[in-house]
Protein backbone atom coordinates (compact mmCIF):
# COMPACT_ATOMS: atom_id res chain seq x y z
CA MET A 1 -6.59 1.78 -10.28
CA HIS A 2 -4.55 -0.86 -10.72
CA LEU A 3 -0.75 -0.49 -8.23
CA ASP A 4 1.20 -3.13 -10.04
CA VAL A 5 4.48 -2.75 -7.49
CA ASP A 6 6.87 -4.40 -10.24
CA VAL A 7 6.82 -0.65 -11.28
CA LEU A 8 9.15 0.19 -8.10
CA ASP A 9 12.88 0.12 -8.27
CA PHE A 10 13.57 -2.97 -6.46
CA VAL A 11 16.77 -1.87 -4.66
CA ASP A 12 14.78 1.25 -3.59
CA MET A 13 12.01 -0.50 -2.30
CA PRO A 14 12.40 -4.36 -2.74
CA LEU A 15 8.53 -5.46 -2.10
CA ALA A 16 8.01 -6.65 -5.69
CA GLU A 17 7.42 -10.58 -7.32
CA ASN A 18 9.90 -9.05 -10.44
CA THR A 19 13.59 -8.50 -8.46
CA ARG A 20 15.22 -6.79 -11.51
CA ARG A 21 17.75 -3.81 -9.85
CA ASN A 22 17.48 0.02 -10.94
CA ALA A 23 14.74 -0.19 -13.31
CA GLY A 24 12.19 1.85 -11.85
CA LEU A 25 10.18 4.30 -10.09
CA ARG A 26 11.56 5.08 -6.65
CA PHE A 27 8.71 4.66 -3.98
CA ASP A 28 8.56 8.42 -3.07
CA GLN A 29 7.80 8.76 -6.97
CA LEU A 30 5.17 6.58 -7.16
CA MET A 31 3.67 8.08 -3.77
CA ALA A 32 3.46 11.28 -5.45
CA ALA A 33 2.26 9.99 -8.44
CA LEU A 34 -0.95 8.01 -6.60
CA GLY A 35 -1.81 11.32 -4.53
CA PRO A 36 -3.63 13.06 -7.06
CA PHE A 37 -5.20 9.40 -8.31
CA LEU A 38 -6.11 9.11 -5.05
CA ARG A 39 -7.83 12.56 -4.53
CA ALA A 40 -10.22 12.04 -8.17
CA PRO A 41 -13.59 12.81 -7.11
CA ASN A 42 -14.43 9.34 -9.43
CA TRP A 43 -11.70 7.18 -8.20
CA THR A 44 -13.48 4.15 -6.86
CA ALA A 45 -11.44 1.26 -6.28
CA LEU A 46 -7.01 -0.08 -5.72
CA THR A 47 -5.79 -2.85 -6.03
CA VAL A 48 -2.20 -3.96 -5.45
CA CYS A 49 -0.11 -6.50 -7.24
CA GLU A 50 2.85 -8.19 -7.21
CA LEU A 51 3.94 -7.54 -3.88
CA ASN A 52 6.49 -10.37 -2.30
CA PRO A 53 6.58 -9.30 1.42
CA ASP A 54 9.10 -12.00 1.48
CA HIS A 55 11.37 -9.96 -0.42
CA GLY A 56 11.76 -7.34 2.10
CA GLU A 57 13.84 -7.08 5.47
CA ARG A 58 12.81 -10.11 7.56
CA ASP A 59 11.55 -8.08 10.35
CA GLY A 60 8.85 -7.02 8.30
CA SER A 61 10.20 -3.11 8.05
CA THR A 62 10.17 -2.98 4.55
CA LEU A 63 6.32 -4.45 4.28
CA GLN A 64 5.63 -1.98 7.42
CA SER A 65 7.00 1.02 5.50
CA PHE A 66 5.10 0.09 2.39
CA ALA A 67 1.89 0.20 4.13
CA LYS A 68 2.05 3.26 6.19
CA ALA A 69 2.98 5.57 2.73
CA LEU A 70 -0.16 3.72 1.13
CA SER A 71 -2.43 3.95 4.83
CA ASN A 72 -1.03 7.43 4.56
CA ALA A 73 -2.29 8.00 0.77
CA LEU A 74 -5.70 6.50 1.41
CA ALA A 75 -5.90 8.42 4.24
CA ALA A 76 -5.37 11.90 1.78
CA SER A 77 -8.25 10.45 -0.30
CA PRO A 78 -11.79 12.30 0.50
CA ARG A 79 -13.73 9.70 -0.75
CA MET A 80 -12.12 6.54 1.35
CA ALA A 81 -11.93 8.60 4.57
CA GLU A 82 -15.83 9.23 4.11
CA ASP A 83 -16.51 5.94 3.03
CA LEU A 84 -14.41 4.34 5.87
CA MET A 85 -15.54 6.64 8.32
CA ALA A 86 -19.40 5.95 7.02
CA LEU A 87 -18.38 1.87 7.03
CA ARG A 88 -17.41 2.03 10.12
CA GLY A 89 -19.93 4.60 11.90
CA LEU A 90 -16.89 5.97 13.40
CA SER A 91 -16.78 9.47 15.50
CA GLY A 92 -13.32 10.83 16.73
CA LEU A 93 -11.07 8.34 15.09
CA GLY A 94 -8.97 10.47 12.19
CA ALA A 95 -8.73 8.45 8.63
CA THR A 96 -5.29 8.63 8.79
CA LYS A 97 -4.54 6.57 11.91
CA TYR A 98 -8.11 4.34 10.89
CA CYS A 99 -6.61 4.04 7.81
CA ARG A 100 -3.24 2.77 9.29
CA ALA A 101 -5.10 0.18 11.10
CA PHE A 102 -7.26 -1.04 8.62
CA VAL A 103 -3.89 -1.60 6.19
CA SER A 104 -1.93 -2.99 9.06
CA ARG A 105 -4.82 -5.50 9.59
CA LEU A 106 -3.86 -7.02 6.11
CA ARG A 107 -0.62 -7.25 6.59
CA PRO A 108 -1.00 -11.03 7.70
CA GLU A 109 -3.18 -11.53 5.21
CA ILE A 110 -0.62 -10.63 2.34
CA ARG A 111 1.75 -13.01 4.23
CA THR A 112 -1.31 -16.08 4.09
CA THR A 113 -2.58 -15.55 1.01
CA HIS A 114 1.52 -15.32 -0.81
CA HIS A 115 2.23 -18.44 -2.96
CA ALA A 116 3.79 -21.05 -1.33
CA GLY A 117 7.87 -21.23 -1.69
CA GLY A 118 9.27 -17.87 -0.05
CA ARG A 119 11.15 -17.82 3.18
């Protein structure tokens, strides 16, 4: 599955690369639509693109909200939870907590791999 953040209403979730206003899904609509796909038994991969953390709040709260919601959606995926637990050999650590930790570790990489020219 390919998730292009440009589908979001920039006013609702200002993380898209394209800064058009009021021309997309609300963030809650996107998360609701994403859920059934992530719970499908044949789901295998998710790519997220056109996410620009420099367009969110300077304190990182916009990106944190995005990452938290995405990690919750991923944690609800039986396949993702099973694969992550098996990969890490974890026991006693909930899938939601692990997915949040996994996604939060990606946040610095998102900043460092973003093109030059931001804030």
